[in-house]
Amino acid sequence: MDLKKLSGSVVLCSFLVLLAACCYGILSTIVKIALGNGVGIPVILVGKFFYGLVILFVLVILVHFLFPRKDKPVKSTMPAWKRGVVLFFTGIVMCLVTVCYFYSVSYLPVSVAVILLFQFSWMGVVIEAVANRRMPSRNQLIAVVVIFVGTILAGGTTGFGMEINPFGVVLGLLAAFFYAMFVFLSGRVEPSMTPMNRSFFIALAGFIFVCGLIACIDTPAAIPAGIFAGESLIYGVALGLFGVALPILLLAIGAPRISTGMATILNAAELPVEVLAAAVVLVEAVSGLQWVGVLVILVGIAFPHLMEKKISSGLAEDTA
């Protein structure tokens, strides 16, 4: 498996980041079904990271034996302990996205929580601008505005005429910030490691952190039995596959070759997928205004690509 050639195509890497967003887009539907069948959020959280870690471990073993590396691994200039800290921190950030979002949904209408989460599209552009000390491109700014408008439309208006829980709003915005940070870190953390190994250690850190967090805020005794019980196991495997293993791996391969601003714009595809999944799987009513919002978001995602002859607007300057 020549990961250098795989990661050398900006078009392909953009597609991989887009595919990661689609994986995230079906999580809300899975969680809603699980909650409807009596599975608690603590079991959902631990099960998601546990099974995601197991799936990644199996993939790491398979890739190691079926596709052994022929080239020598790139030596990192960062000390081993510092690399471990960075990887662990990235896993914590990934975990915090899920924790903050799932709990924000418990305090807010889903439409409001989703709108708050999708503020990551402009937060990511701001993070990149601060990190690079450079203003975003005009096309990126236009795309962010278009996606923001589409997010409001696609989220619907439910919840805006009722009292909003301030704590839920804070959690939703924190989920958005951590999401943008995770995309940013995915493109920069430990480039000397293969994407598969890097993904595994990030997932391991997320699992360790979520177990410690649940132990502090909830009763942990019933969780181990819960994640192996009947339907909980099925939901855990599904959430682990689409919420941990696949998106982390796809981001680990694709994110390093495109800018954070472009990556966060592509990740906005999650919301249209959420709307489609809710309409098809949960048979929820989706208004015409929401469908307009979905189309607007897709336009916002495509805009930087349509305005450039090449996808150079999404190419990170340092592609070495």
Protein backbone atom coordinates (compact mmCIF):
# COMPACT_ATOMS: atom_id res chain seq x y z
CA MET A 1 0.00 0.00 0.00
CA ASP A 2 1.77 3.14 -1.21
CA LEU A 3 0.43 5.77 1.16
CA LYS A 4 2.69 8.40 -0.37
CA LYS A 5 0.96 8.06 -3.75
CA LEU A 6 -2.40 7.83 -2.03
CA SER A 7 -1.84 11.03 -0.09
CA GLY A 8 -0.26 12.78 -3.07
CA SER A 9 -3.55 13.58 -4.80
CA VAL A 10 -5.25 16.66 -3.42
CA VAL A 11 -8.49 15.69 -5.17
CA LEU A 12 -8.45 12.24 -3.59
CA CYS A 13 -7.53 13.63 -0.17
CA SER A 14 -10.40 16.13 -0.38
CA PHE A 15 -12.72 13.23 -1.18
CA LEU A 16 -11.44 11.24 1.81
CA VAL A 17 -12.12 14.18 4.15
CA LEU A 18 -15.58 14.50 2.58
CA LEU A 19 -16.17 10.79 3.16
CA ALA A 20 -15.16 11.19 6.82
CA ALA A 21 -17.80 13.90 7.16
CA CYS A 22 -20.40 11.54 5.68
CA CYS A 23 -19.48 8.92 8.29
CA TYR A 24 -20.05 11.46 11.05
CA GLY A 25 -23.36 12.44 9.45
CA ILE A 26 -25.07 9.14 10.23
CA LEU A 27 -24.09 9.11 13.91
CA SER A 28 -27.03 11.21 15.13
CA THR A 29 -29.46 8.75 13.57
CA ILE A 30 -27.73 5.76 15.21
CA VAL A 31 -27.64 7.54 18.58
CA LYS A 32 -31.31 8.52 18.33
CA ILE A 33 -32.28 4.90 17.63
CA ALA A 34 -30.11 3.70 20.53
CA LEU A 35 -31.61 6.22 22.95
CA GLY A 36 -35.08 5.24 21.80
CA ASN A 37 -34.29 1.65 22.73
CA GLY A 38 -33.20 2.57 26.23
CA VAL A 39 -29.41 2.71 25.81
CA GLY A 40 -27.91 5.49 27.97
CA ILE A 41 -25.42 8.10 26.80
CA PRO A 42 -22.56 6.75 29.02
CA VAL A 43 -22.90 3.28 27.44
CA ILE A 44 -23.11 4.85 23.97
CA LEU A 45 -19.95 6.90 24.56
CA VAL A 46 -17.83 4.08 25.97
CA GLY A 47 -19.15 1.56 23.44
CA LYS A 48 -18.37 3.88 20.55
CA PHE A 49 -14.72 4.31 21.52
CA PHE A 50 -14.21 0.71 22.65
CA TYR A 51 -15.44 -0.86 19.41
CA GLY A 52 -13.78 1.84 17.30
CA LEU A 53 -10.49 0.95 18.98
CA VAL A 54 -11.03 -2.78 18.39
CA ILE A 55 -11.80 -2.21 14.70
CA LEU A 56 -8.71 -0.02 14.27
CA PHE A 57 -6.55 -2.62 16.04
CA VAL A 58 -7.73 -5.32 13.60
CA LEU A 59 -7.05 -3.00 10.65
CA VAL A 60 -3.56 -2.17 11.94
CA ILE A 61 -2.69 -5.89 12.20
CA LEU A 62 -4.10 -6.66 8.74
CA VAL A 63 -2.27 -3.78 7.08
CA HIS A 64 0.97 -4.68 8.85
CA PHE A 65 0.96 -8.24 7.51
CA LEU A 66 -0.74 -7.76 4.13
CA PHE A 67 0.89 -4.46 3.14
CA PRO A 68 4.29 -4.26 4.85
CA ARG A 69 6.12 -0.97 4.46
CA LYS A 70 8.97 -1.13 1.95
CA ASP A 71 10.26 2.37 2.61
CA LYS A 72 12.00 3.39 5.80
CA PRO A 73 9.78 5.32 8.21
CA VAL A 74 10.45 9.05 8.37
CA LYS A 75 12.40 9.99 11.46
CA SER A 76 10.64 12.47 13.67
CA THR A 77 12.50 15.47 15.05
CA MET A 78 10.17 15.50 18.05
CA PRO A 79 11.14 13.55 21.20
CA ALA A 80 9.16 10.35 21.81
CA TRP A 81 7.49 11.66 24.98
CA LYS A 82 6.36 14.82 23.20
CA ARG A 83 4.94 12.79 20.30
CA GLY A 84 2.98 10.74 22.81
CA VAL A 85 1.61 13.87 24.46
CA VAL A 86 0.49 15.33 21.11
CA LEU A 87 -1.21 12.08 20.08
CA PHE A 88 -2.94 11.75 23.45
CA PHE A 89 -4.12 15.36 23.30
CA THR A 90 -5.55 14.80 19.81
CA GLY A 91 -7.46 11.77 21.10
CA ILE A 92 -8.85 13.82 23.98
CA VAL A 93 -10.00 16.54 21.57
CA MET A 94 -11.73 13.94 19.40
CA CYS A 95 -13.43 12.48 22.47
CA LEU A 96 -14.59 15.90 23.68
CA VAL A 97 -16.38 16.53 20.38
CA THR A 98 -18.60 13.52 21.00
CA VAL A 99 -19.10 14.13 24.71
CA CYS A 100 -20.03 17.80 24.33
CA TYR A 101 -22.33 17.19 21.36
CA PHE A 102 -24.20 14.21 22.82
CA TYR A 103 -24.83 16.05 26.08
CA SER A 104 -25.78 19.30 24.30
CA VAL A 105 -28.53 17.36 22.52
CA SER A 106 -29.89 16.38 25.93
CA TYR A 107 -30.29 20.06 26.85
CA LEU A 108 -31.33 21.53 23.48
CA PRO A 109 -33.57 20.74 20.53
CA VAL A 110 -31.57 18.70 18.01
CA SER A 111 -31.90 21.42 15.36
CA VAL A 112 -30.30 24.00 17.65
CA ALA A 113 -27.52 21.63 18.74
CA VAL A 114 -26.68 20.81 15.11
CA ILE A 115 -26.51 24.50 14.19
CA LEU A 116 -24.16 25.16 17.10
CA LEU A 117 -21.96 22.18 16.14
CA PHE A 118 -21.62 23.42 12.58
CA GLN A 119 -20.05 26.65 13.67
CA PHE A 120 -16.84 24.61 13.31
CA SER A 121 -16.87 25.56 9.61
CA TRP A 122 -15.81 29.15 10.38
CA MET A 123 -13.91 28.26 13.56
CA GLY A 124 -11.59 26.04 11.52
CA VAL A 125 -10.85 28.85 9.09
CA VAL A 126 -10.07 31.17 12.03
CA ILE A 127 -7.81 28.55 13.66
CA GLU A 128 -5.89 28.14 10.42
CA ALA A 129 -5.56 31.90 9.99
CA VAL A 130 -4.21 32.29 13.54
CA ALA A 131 -1.84 29.32 13.24
CA ASN A 132 -0.46 30.46 9.87
CA ARG A 133 -0.69 34.18 10.67
CA ARG A 134 -2.35 34.69 7.33
CA MET A 135 -5.82 35.82 6.31
CA PRO A 136 -8.13 33.19 4.73
CA SER A 137 -8.59 33.33 0.97
CA ARG A 138 -11.58 35.20 -0.43
CA ASN A 139 -13.08 31.95 -1.74
CA GLN A 140 -12.83 30.36 1.71
CA LEU A 141 -14.54 33.34 3.33
CA ILE A 142 -17.37 33.26 0.79
CA ALA A 143 -17.73 29.48 1.26
CA VAL A 144 -17.95 29.89 5.05
CA VAL A 145 -20.70 32.53 4.73
CA VAL A 146 -22.66 30.36 2.30
CA ILE A 147 -22.31 27.29 4.54
CA PHE A 148 -23.38 29.31 7.59
CA VAL A 149 -26.56 30.45 5.82
CA GLY A 150 -27.22 26.90 4.63
CA THR A 151 -26.69 25.56 8.16
CA ILE A 152 -29.37 27.87 9.55
CA LEU A 153 -31.81 26.81 6.83
CA ALA A 154 -31.02 23.08 7.04
CA GLY A 155 -31.24 23.11 10.84
CA GLY A 156 -34.83 24.29 10.61
CA THR A 157 -36.43 26.77 12.97
CA THR A 158 -37.51 24.39 15.74
CA GLY A 159 -36.40 25.62 19.12
CA PHE A 160 -35.97 29.31 18.36
CA GLY A 161 -39.31 30.23 19.86
CA MET A 162 -38.64 28.48 23.15
CA GLU A 163 -36.36 29.03 26.11
CA ILE A 164 -32.82 27.90 25.33
CA ASN A 165 -30.67 26.30 28.03
CA PRO A 166 -27.43 28.36 28.27
CA PHE A 167 -25.42 25.31 29.41
CA GLY A 168 -26.55 23.42 26.32
CA VAL A 169 -25.46 26.33 24.13
CA VAL A 170 -22.01 26.35 25.75
CA LEU A 171 -21.68 22.60 25.20
CA GLY A 172 -22.73 22.93 21.55
CA LEU A 173 -20.19 25.67 20.88
CA LEU A 174 -17.48 23.69 22.69
CA ALA A 175 -18.29 20.69 20.46
CA ALA A 176 -17.86 22.93 17.42
CA PHE A 177 -14.53 24.28 18.70
CA PHE A 178 -13.17 20.82 19.49
CA TYR A 179 -14.32 19.56 16.08
CA ALA A 180 -12.41 22.35 14.33
CA MET A 181 -9.37 21.67 16.53
CA PHE A 182 -9.50 17.94 15.75
CA VAL A 183 -9.53 18.60 12.00
CA PHE A 184 -6.63 21.02 12.47
CA LEU A 185 -4.61 18.54 14.52
CA SER A 186 -5.39 15.64 12.17
CA GLY A 187 -3.43 17.39 9.47
CA ARG A 188 -0.40 18.06 11.65
CA VAL A 189 -0.02 15.47 14.38
CA GLU A 190 2.90 13.04 14.16
CA PRO A 191 3.45 12.92 10.35
CA SER A 192 6.30 10.41 10.79
CA MET A 193 3.80 7.65 11.71
CA THR A 194 1.63 5.81 9.20
CA PRO A 195 -1.99 7.02 9.10
CA MET A 196 -3.16 3.64 10.41
CA ASN A 197 -0.90 3.62 13.46
CA ARG A 198 -1.58 7.28 14.16
CA SER A 199 -5.32 6.64 14.02
CA PHE A 200 -5.03 3.73 16.46
CA PHE A 201 -3.13 5.74 19.08
CA ILE A 202 -5.55 8.67 18.76
CA ALA A 203 -8.49 6.30 19.27
CA LEU A 204 -6.71 4.67 22.24
CA ALA A 205 -6.26 8.08 23.87
CA GLY A 206 -9.93 8.88 23.27
CA PHE A 207 -11.02 5.59 24.84
CA ILE A 208 -8.85 6.10 27.93
CA PHE A 209 -10.13 9.63 28.37
CA VAL A 210 -13.82 8.79 27.93
CA CYS A 211 -13.53 5.94 30.47
CA GLY A 212 -11.97 8.32 32.99
CA LEU A 213 -14.57 10.99 32.28
CA ILE A 214 -17.54 8.63 32.63
CA ALA A 215 -16.07 7.28 35.87
CA CYS A 216 -16.09 10.83 37.26
CA ILE A 217 -19.54 11.98 36.12
CA ASP A 218 -21.57 8.76 36.11
CA THR A 219 -21.84 5.32 37.71
CA PRO A 220 -19.26 3.25 35.82
CA ALA A 221 -20.07 -0.18 37.31
CA ALA A 222 -22.80 -1.09 34.79
CA ILE A 223 -20.98 0.24 31.71
CA PRO A 224 -18.77 -2.83 30.93
CA ALA A 225 -21.77 -5.16 30.94
CA GLY A 226 -23.80 -2.57 29.02
CA ILE A 227 -21.51 -2.30 26.00
CA PHE A 228 -21.58 -6.10 25.47
CA ALA A 229 -25.32 -6.54 25.91
CA GLY A 230 -27.54 -7.32 22.92
CA GLU A 231 -28.55 -4.15 21.07
CA SER A 232 -25.92 -2.06 22.85
CA LEU A 233 -23.23 -4.15 21.15
CA ILE A 234 -24.77 -3.54 17.72
CA TYR A 235 -25.00 0.20 18.28
CA GLY A 236 -21.50 0.28 19.73
CA VAL A 237 -20.00 -1.48 16.70
CA ALA A 238 -21.85 0.83 14.29
CA LEU A 239 -20.79 3.96 16.19
CA GLY A 240 -17.23 2.64 16.53
CA LEU A 241 -16.98 2.01 12.79
CA PHE A 242 -18.58 5.22 11.53
CA GLY A 243 -17.74 7.49 14.47
CA VAL A 244 -14.17 6.46 15.30
CA ALA A 245 -12.35 4.00 13.01
CA LEU A 246 -13.29 5.18 9.52
CA PRO A 247 -13.34 8.98 10.02
CA ILE A 248 -10.09 9.04 12.02
CA LEU A 249 -8.36 6.94 9.38
CA LEU A 250 -9.77 8.97 6.48
CA LEU A 251 -8.77 12.25 8.15
CA ALA A 252 -5.32 10.89 8.98
CA ILE A 253 -4.74 10.15 5.27
CA GLY A 254 -6.52 13.11 3.70
CA ALA A 255 -6.22 16.06 6.10
CA PRO A 256 -2.40 16.51 5.94
CA ARG A 257 -2.56 17.37 2.21
CA ILE A 258 -5.27 20.01 2.39
CA SER A 259 -5.55 23.16 4.46
CA THR A 260 -7.53 23.30 7.70
CA GLY A 261 -9.90 25.83 6.14
CA MET A 262 -10.64 23.54 3.22
CA ALA A 263 -10.95 20.50 5.50
CA THR A 264 -13.52 22.20 7.74
CA ILE A 265 -15.47 23.36 4.69
CA LEU A 266 -15.56 19.80 3.35
CA ASN A 267 -16.63 18.51 6.78
CA ALA A 268 -19.76 20.65 6.52
CA ALA A 269 -21.12 17.85 4.31
CA GLU A 270 -22.02 16.13 7.58
CA LEU A 271 -25.20 18.16 7.99
CA PRO A 272 -26.78 17.27 4.62
CA VAL A 273 -26.04 13.61 5.40
CA GLU A 274 -27.70 14.01 8.81
CA VAL A 275 -30.82 15.45 7.19
CA LEU A 276 -30.94 12.67 4.59
CA ALA A 277 -30.38 9.94 7.18
CA ALA A 278 -33.12 11.32 9.42
CA ALA A 279 -35.54 11.51 6.48
CA VAL A 280 -34.78 8.04 5.10
CA VAL A 281 -34.03 5.97 8.22
CA LEU A 282 -36.08 7.72 10.91
CA VAL A 283 -38.76 8.88 8.46
CA GLU A 284 -38.65 12.35 10.01
CA ALA A 285 -40.41 15.18 8.21
CA VAL A 286 -37.96 17.49 6.44
CA SER A 287 -39.32 20.84 5.31
CA GLY A 288 -38.68 22.40 1.93
CA LEU A 289 -36.65 25.12 3.67
CA GLN A 290 -34.34 22.47 5.13
CA TRP A 291 -33.78 20.92 1.71
CA VAL A 292 -32.91 24.39 0.40
CA GLY A 293 -30.40 24.65 3.23
CA VAL A 294 -28.85 21.31 2.23
CA LEU A 295 -28.44 22.54 -1.35
CA VAL A 296 -26.91 25.81 -0.14
CA ILE A 297 -24.38 23.89 1.97
CA LEU A 298 -23.42 21.74 -1.01
CA VAL A 299 -22.90 24.90 -3.06
CA GLY A 300 -20.73 26.30 -0.27
CA ILE A 301 -18.63 23.14 -0.19
CA ALA A 302 -18.17 23.13 -3.97
CA PHE A 303 -17.58 26.89 -4.30
CA PRO A 304 -13.78 26.99 -3.73
CA HIS A 305 -13.36 24.14 -6.21
CA LEU A 306 -15.58 25.74 -8.82
CA MET A 307 -13.78 29.08 -8.57
CA GLU A 308 -10.32 27.63 -9.08
CA LYS A 309 -9.01 25.96 -12.22
CA LYS A 310 -7.20 23.56 -9.89
CA ILE A 311 -7.87 22.75 -6.24
CA SER A 312 -4.85 24.77 -5.25
CA SER A 313 -6.98 26.72 -2.76
CA GLY A 314 -7.12 23.61 -0.62
CA LEU A 315 -3.48 22.59 -0.94
CA ALA A 316 -1.42 23.12 2.15
CA GLU A 317 1.76 25.06 1.53
CA ASP A 318 3.95 22.48 3.20
CA THR A 319 3.23 19.27 1.31
CA ALA A 320 6.52 17.63 2.10
